[in-house]
Amino acid sequence: MNSVDLSLANIERATRSIDPVFLNSPQFVDEQLCAALGRRTIVKVETANPIRSFKGRGADFFFQGLDPKLKVVCASAGNFGQAIAYAGRSRGMAVEVLVAADANPVKIARMQSLGATVTVGGADFDAAKQLAIQRAREPGCLFVEDGDEPAISEGAGTIGVELLRAGPIDSIVVPVGDGALIAGIATWVKHHSPNTKMIGVCPRGAPAMLHSWQSGKAMAESAQTIADGISVSTPIPVSIERMRTLVDDIVLVDDSQMLDAMRVALSALGLILEPSGAAGLAAIRAHRIPGERLATILTGSNLHPELLRELIASSNFPG
């Protein structure tokens, strides 16, 4: 099984060409975590890199095909913007990121530290995206959208290559924002391990990707969730098309379930995750994911300061 426009050859090439700082992230089984989840689960830690998320893989692969004279413009809740800023800085390219007025200040500061110009583009992400599109109409500028560009999904697909090195996996549980991550992983996995189920996770407060996947067409819905990294109100049509081909199921998790999963990750693994980064763990705890051997991706750790304080205050550590 394969999607229409994502290339297995490109994913394989990405395993050799992406900046090594993003490749071969830790993946392991932790007994204490498995006991807390009640399932045998491989975790892949995508937070131990310079931008604290998986998005550096796709951004780096995408930039490999660009004219270095271009200025790259995007809209982001923060992690994608960091990835674009990092890839741009490493090539001496200008980057501008448009953000919503309520964007995570930690993510804004990190984008700026990586050399990006960060501009508030409106009250919400969709407004920021429209302004980014307008900005990119200026000469020498290029607008890039995370869930639309094939190379970004192909770069993320390298996670699938690495996961399958661990042996047979019954189900891989993937947080779903714009769909680039799950589409890239599934493109590789469905070809090399067709019996592995690809399970997406969305916030209950932002179900647009689930409803769009179910209906087969992009459907806009309001979004209200603490998981800003996977809070999508306006799905990208081509992303839905890919997911319809590649994804076996999508489940929903509440904000409270993600918070609980963040506490589990801190206690069992010593890892601080943002809500979207813990969404896969939350889904495994809350749903009967098929199979005996599961895997999930811990996608990001750029946590809002208020949530960080709440997480630490509410976590109980043994001893």
Protein backbone atom coordinates (compact mmCIF):
# COMPACT_ATOMS: atom_id res chain seq x y z
CA MET A 1 0.00 0.00 0.00
CA ASN A 2 1.31 3.47 -0.84
CA SER A 3 -0.01 6.98 -1.13
CA VAL A 4 -0.26 8.85 -4.39
CA ASP A 5 2.54 11.36 -4.02
CA LEU A 6 4.94 10.18 -1.30
CA SER A 7 8.01 8.30 -2.47
CA LEU A 8 9.63 5.29 -0.79
CA ALA A 9 12.84 6.15 -2.62
CA ASN A 10 12.80 9.65 -1.18
CA ILE A 11 12.25 8.34 2.34
CA GLU A 12 15.21 5.97 1.90
CA ARG A 13 17.31 8.84 0.55
CA ALA A 14 16.29 10.98 3.52
CA THR A 15 17.76 8.39 5.91
CA ARG A 16 21.15 9.21 4.37
CA SER A 17 20.84 12.94 3.75
CA ILE A 18 19.00 14.50 6.71
CA ASP A 19 21.17 16.27 9.29
CA PRO A 20 22.32 13.41 11.60
CA VAL A 21 21.30 15.40 14.66
CA PHE A 22 17.68 14.45 13.89
CA LEU A 23 18.19 10.81 12.87
CA ASN A 24 18.30 7.57 14.87
CA SER A 25 16.51 8.95 17.90
CA PRO A 26 16.28 6.68 20.97
CA GLN A 27 13.63 3.93 20.84
CA PHE A 28 13.17 1.41 23.61
CA VAL A 29 10.79 -0.47 25.89
CA ASP A 30 10.62 0.75 29.48
CA GLU A 31 9.15 -1.72 31.98
CA GLN A 32 7.76 0.93 34.33
CA LEU A 33 6.06 2.71 31.43
CA CYS A 34 4.60 -0.54 30.09
CA ALA A 35 3.15 -1.27 33.54
CA ALA A 36 1.56 2.19 33.65
CA LEU A 37 0.12 1.79 30.15
CA GLY A 38 -0.92 -1.82 30.61
CA ARG A 39 0.58 -2.60 27.17
CA ARG A 40 3.95 -3.62 25.77
CA THR A 41 5.04 -0.39 24.06
CA ILE A 42 8.12 0.84 22.25
CA VAL A 43 8.60 4.58 22.65
CA LYS A 44 10.54 6.64 20.14
CA VAL A 45 11.90 9.80 21.74
CA GLU A 46 11.86 12.67 19.23
CA THR A 47 12.67 15.35 21.82
CA ALA A 48 16.45 14.90 22.18
CA ASN A 49 17.52 17.26 19.40
CA PRO A 50 18.10 21.01 18.98
CA ILE A 51 14.40 21.82 18.38
CA ARG A 52 12.90 19.26 20.80
CA SER A 53 10.57 17.74 18.21
CA PHE A 54 10.39 15.40 15.22
CA LYS A 55 9.82 18.23 12.76
CA GLY A 56 13.50 18.82 12.05
CA ARG A 57 13.58 15.70 9.85
CA GLY A 58 11.01 16.92 7.33
CA ALA A 59 12.19 20.53 7.32
CA ASP A 60 15.78 19.54 6.64
CA PHE A 61 14.81 17.23 3.78
CA PHE A 62 12.54 19.90 2.28
CA PHE A 63 15.27 22.55 2.36
CA GLN A 64 17.64 20.29 0.42
CA GLY A 65 15.69 21.08 -2.73
CA LEU A 66 15.45 24.87 -2.30
CA ASP A 67 17.25 27.78 -3.90
CA PRO A 68 19.38 29.19 -1.06
CA LYS A 69 18.50 32.74 -2.13
CA LEU A 70 14.85 32.27 -1.17
CA LYS A 71 13.20 33.56 1.98
CA VAL A 72 10.95 30.87 3.44
CA VAL A 73 7.66 31.91 5.06
CA CYS A 74 5.36 29.69 7.11
CA ALA A 75 2.69 29.73 9.78
CA SER A 76 3.25 27.65 12.88
CA ALA A 77 2.16 26.94 16.42
CA GLY A 78 5.87 26.73 17.15
CA ASN A 79 7.52 23.37 16.51
CA PHE A 80 7.33 23.53 12.71
CA GLY A 81 8.55 27.13 12.87
CA GLN A 82 11.56 26.02 14.89
CA ALA A 83 12.32 23.32 12.34
CA ILE A 84 12.13 25.77 9.44
CA ALA A 85 14.25 28.29 11.35
CA TYR A 86 16.90 25.66 12.13
CA ALA A 87 17.06 24.42 8.53
CA GLY A 88 17.19 27.97 7.22
CA ARG A 89 19.95 29.07 9.60
CA SER A 90 22.12 26.08 8.70
CA ARG A 91 21.94 27.20 5.06
CA GLY A 92 22.13 30.96 5.58
CA MET A 93 18.53 31.41 4.41
CA ALA A 94 16.02 33.94 5.75
CA VAL A 95 12.92 32.61 7.53
CA GLU A 96 9.76 34.36 8.71
CA VAL A 97 7.22 32.57 10.90
CA LEU A 98 3.68 33.88 11.40
CA VAL A 99 2.09 32.89 14.71
CA ALA A 100 -1.23 33.36 16.49
CA ALA A 101 -1.55 35.96 19.23
CA ASP A 102 -1.75 33.25 21.90
CA ALA A 103 1.23 31.23 20.66
CA ASN A 104 3.41 29.51 23.27
CA PRO A 105 6.04 32.06 24.39
CA VAL A 106 8.64 29.31 24.82
CA LYS A 107 8.24 28.30 21.20
CA ILE A 108 8.39 31.93 20.02
CA ALA A 109 11.62 32.52 21.94
CA ARG A 110 13.18 29.38 20.52
CA MET A 111 12.24 30.32 16.94
CA GLN A 112 13.81 33.74 17.44
CA SER A 113 16.95 32.23 18.95
CA LEU A 114 17.32 30.19 15.76
CA GLY A 115 17.29 33.34 13.66
CA ALA A 116 13.69 33.45 12.45
CA THR A 117 11.67 36.64 12.23
CA VAL A 118 8.50 35.90 14.21
CA THR A 119 5.40 37.97 13.47
CA VAL A 120 2.00 37.79 15.16
CA GLY A 121 -0.37 37.16 12.28
CA GLY A 122 -3.77 37.32 13.94
CA ALA A 123 -5.97 35.92 16.67
CA ASP A 124 -5.63 32.27 15.63
CA PHE A 125 -3.57 29.95 13.44
CA ASP A 126 -5.79 30.29 10.39
CA ALA A 127 -5.38 34.08 10.43
CA ALA A 128 -1.61 33.69 10.77
CA LYS A 129 -1.60 31.29 7.82
CA GLN A 130 -3.46 33.76 5.59
CA LEU A 131 -0.98 36.49 6.41
CA ALA A 132 1.91 34.10 5.72
CA ILE A 133 0.46 33.37 2.28
CA GLN A 134 0.24 37.11 1.61
CA ARG A 135 3.82 37.67 2.80
CA ALA A 136 5.08 34.94 0.48
CA ARG A 137 3.72 36.77 -2.56
CA GLU A 138 6.61 39.20 -2.23
CA PRO A 139 9.51 38.63 -4.65
CA GLY A 140 12.05 36.03 -3.53
CA CYS A 141 9.70 34.45 -0.96
CA LEU A 142 8.30 30.93 -0.71
CA PHE A 143 5.35 29.82 1.43
CA VAL A 144 5.60 26.32 2.86
CA GLU A 145 2.79 24.40 4.57
CA ASP A 146 3.67 21.46 6.75
CA GLY A 147 0.93 18.98 5.79
CA ASP A 148 1.00 19.88 2.10
CA GLU A 149 4.63 19.52 1.00
CA PRO A 150 5.56 15.89 0.14
CA ALA A 151 9.24 16.27 1.10
CA ILE A 152 8.26 17.14 4.68
CA SER A 153 6.24 13.93 5.05
CA GLU A 154 9.02 11.96 3.39
CA GLY A 155 11.55 13.32 5.87
CA ALA A 156 9.24 12.36 8.74
CA GLY A 157 8.93 8.93 7.16
CA THR A 158 12.47 8.13 8.29
CA ILE A 159 10.92 7.50 11.72
CA GLY A 160 9.13 4.51 10.18
CA VAL A 161 12.40 3.16 8.82
CA GLU A 162 13.97 3.33 12.27
CA LEU A 163 10.98 1.89 14.13
CA LEU A 164 10.85 -1.25 12.00
CA ARG A 165 14.45 -2.03 12.93
CA ALA A 166 13.04 -3.01 16.35
CA GLY A 167 11.24 -5.97 14.77
CA PRO A 168 7.55 -6.69 14.21
CA ILE A 169 5.11 -4.09 15.55
CA ASP A 170 1.37 -4.71 15.65
CA SER A 171 0.24 -1.07 15.84
CA ILE A 172 2.00 2.28 15.65
CA VAL A 173 0.18 5.10 17.43
CA VAL A 174 0.91 8.57 16.04
CA PRO A 175 -0.29 12.03 17.16
CA VAL A 176 -2.05 13.71 14.23
CA GLY A 177 -1.78 17.44 13.60
CA ASP A 178 -1.67 18.32 9.92
CA GLY A 179 -1.03 14.67 9.01
CA ALA A 180 2.52 14.94 7.70
CA LEU A 181 3.99 12.65 10.36
CA ILE A 182 1.54 9.77 10.15
CA ALA A 183 1.47 9.87 6.33
CA GLY A 184 5.24 9.71 6.08
CA ILE A 185 5.63 6.90 8.61
CA ALA A 186 2.73 4.93 7.12
CA THR A 187 4.08 5.20 3.58
CA TRP A 188 7.16 3.25 4.63
CA VAL A 189 5.52 0.93 7.15
CA LYS A 190 2.60 -0.16 4.98
CA HIS A 191 5.05 -1.21 2.26
CA HIS A 192 7.52 -3.04 4.50
CA SER A 193 5.15 -4.32 7.21
CA PRO A 194 1.64 -4.36 5.72
CA ASN A 195 0.04 -6.03 8.74
CA THR A 196 1.08 -3.20 11.06
CA LYS A 197 -1.86 -0.97 11.94
CA MET A 198 -1.42 2.81 11.72
CA ILE A 199 -3.47 4.50 14.43
CA GLY A 200 -3.79 8.29 14.59
CA VAL A 201 -4.59 10.33 17.69
CA CYS A 202 -6.41 13.68 17.76
CA PRO A 203 -7.57 15.82 20.68
CA ARG A 204 -11.27 15.50 21.47
CA GLY A 205 -11.36 19.29 21.45
CA ALA A 206 -9.97 19.42 17.89
CA PRO A 207 -11.60 16.57 15.93
CA ALA A 208 -11.43 18.09 12.42
CA MET A 209 -8.80 15.63 11.16
CA LEU A 210 -10.81 12.64 12.41
CA HIS A 211 -14.07 13.83 10.86
CA SER A 212 -12.33 14.76 7.61
CA TRP A 213 -10.64 11.35 7.44
CA GLN A 214 -13.97 9.64 8.07
CA SER A 215 -15.82 11.64 5.41
CA GLY A 216 -13.03 11.70 2.82
CA LYS A 217 -13.05 15.48 2.46
CA ALA A 218 -11.47 18.33 4.42
CA MET A 219 -13.99 19.70 6.94
CA ALA A 220 -13.26 22.79 9.02
CA GLU A 221 -14.25 22.72 12.70
CA SER A 222 -13.48 24.79 15.75
CA ALA A 223 -10.56 23.65 17.90
CA GLN A 224 -9.99 24.15 21.61
CA THR A 225 -7.34 22.04 23.31
CA ILE A 226 -4.17 22.42 25.34
CA ALA A 227 -2.36 20.39 22.66
CA ASP A 228 -1.38 23.28 20.38
CA GLY A 229 0.91 21.05 18.31
CA ILE A 230 -2.05 18.96 17.08
CA SER A 231 -4.82 21.55 17.26
CA VAL A 232 -6.16 21.70 13.69
CA SER A 233 -9.31 23.52 12.65
CA THR A 234 -8.84 23.59 8.85
CA PRO A 235 -7.43 20.34 7.44
CA ILE A 236 -5.37 20.32 4.24
CA PRO A 237 -7.16 18.35 1.48
CA VAL A 238 -4.10 16.50 0.16
CA SER A 239 -3.22 15.41 3.70
CA ILE A 240 -6.67 13.90 4.12
CA GLU A 241 -6.26 12.06 0.80
CA ARG A 242 -2.99 10.52 1.98
CA MET A 243 -4.44 9.52 5.32
CA ARG A 244 -7.49 7.89 3.73
CA THR A 245 -5.10 5.55 1.91
CA LEU A 246 -2.66 4.90 4.73
CA VAL A 247 -4.34 5.19 8.14
CA ASP A 248 -6.31 2.31 9.72
CA ASP A 249 -8.02 4.21 12.54
CA ILE A 250 -8.05 7.50 14.45
CA VAL A 251 -8.96 7.84 18.12
CA LEU A 252 -9.64 10.85 20.32
CA VAL A 253 -8.14 11.75 23.70
CA ASP A 254 -9.21 14.39 26.20
CA ASP A 255 -6.94 17.13 27.49
CA SER A 256 -7.07 15.49 30.92
CA GLN A 257 -5.88 12.19 29.43
CA MET A 258 -2.93 13.92 27.78
CA LEU A 259 -2.05 15.60 31.07
CA ASP A 260 -2.14 12.24 32.83
CA ALA A 261 0.10 10.77 30.11
CA MET A 262 2.55 13.65 30.58
CA ARG A 263 2.75 12.76 34.28
CA VAL A 264 3.35 9.11 33.42
CA ALA A 265 6.16 10.04 31.04
CA LEU A 266 7.78 12.26 33.65
CA SER A 267 7.55 9.62 36.37
CA ALA A 268 8.46 6.54 34.30
CA LEU A 269 10.87 7.99 31.74
CA GLY A 270 12.08 11.23 33.31
CA LEU A 271 10.88 13.06 30.19
CA ILE A 272 8.95 16.31 30.00
CA LEU A 273 6.53 16.20 27.09
CA GLU A 274 4.14 18.78 25.71
CA PRO A 275 0.52 17.56 25.42
CA SER A 276 0.80 16.62 21.75
CA GLY A 277 4.01 14.73 22.53
CA ALA A 278 2.13 12.57 25.04
CA ALA A 279 -0.99 12.03 22.92
CA GLY A 280 0.12 8.58 21.78
CA LEU A 281 0.66 7.45 25.36
CA ALA A 282 -2.76 8.83 26.28
CA ALA A 283 -4.38 6.87 23.45
CA ILE A 284 -2.73 3.62 24.49
CA ARG A 285 -3.97 4.09 28.05
CA ALA A 286 -7.51 5.05 26.99
CA HIS A 287 -8.23 2.78 24.02
CA ARG A 288 -7.94 -0.89 23.06
CA ILE A 289 -5.27 -0.44 20.42
CA PRO A 290 -5.02 -3.73 18.44
CA GLY A 291 -2.06 -6.04 18.92
CA GLU A 292 0.38 -7.18 21.59
CA ARG A 293 3.40 -5.08 20.61
CA LEU A 294 2.77 -1.38 20.15
CA ALA A 295 4.90 1.66 19.38
CA THR A 296 4.35 5.38 19.70
CA ILE A 297 6.29 8.55 18.99
CA LEU A 298 6.97 11.11 21.73
CA THR A 299 6.79 14.00 19.31
CA GLY A 300 7.73 17.15 21.23
CA SER A 301 8.75 18.72 24.53
CA ASN A 302 8.29 22.48 24.04
CA LEU A 303 5.91 22.86 26.94
CA HIS A 304 4.07 26.08 27.80
CA PRO A 305 5.46 27.53 31.08
CA GLU A 306 2.07 27.35 32.81
CA LEU A 307 1.64 23.69 31.93
CA LEU A 308 5.21 22.97 33.01
CA ARG A 309 4.50 24.38 36.46
CA GLU A 310 1.28 22.37 36.67
CA LEU A 311 3.02 19.19 35.54
CA ILE A 312 5.79 19.43 38.10
CA ALA A 313 3.44 20.41 40.93
CA SER A 314 1.09 17.51 40.26
CA SER A 315 3.69 14.78 39.69
CA ASN A 316 4.56 12.30 42.41
CA PHE A 317 8.01 10.78 42.37
CA PRO A 318 8.89 7.60 44.29
CA GLY A 319 11.39 7.77 47.10
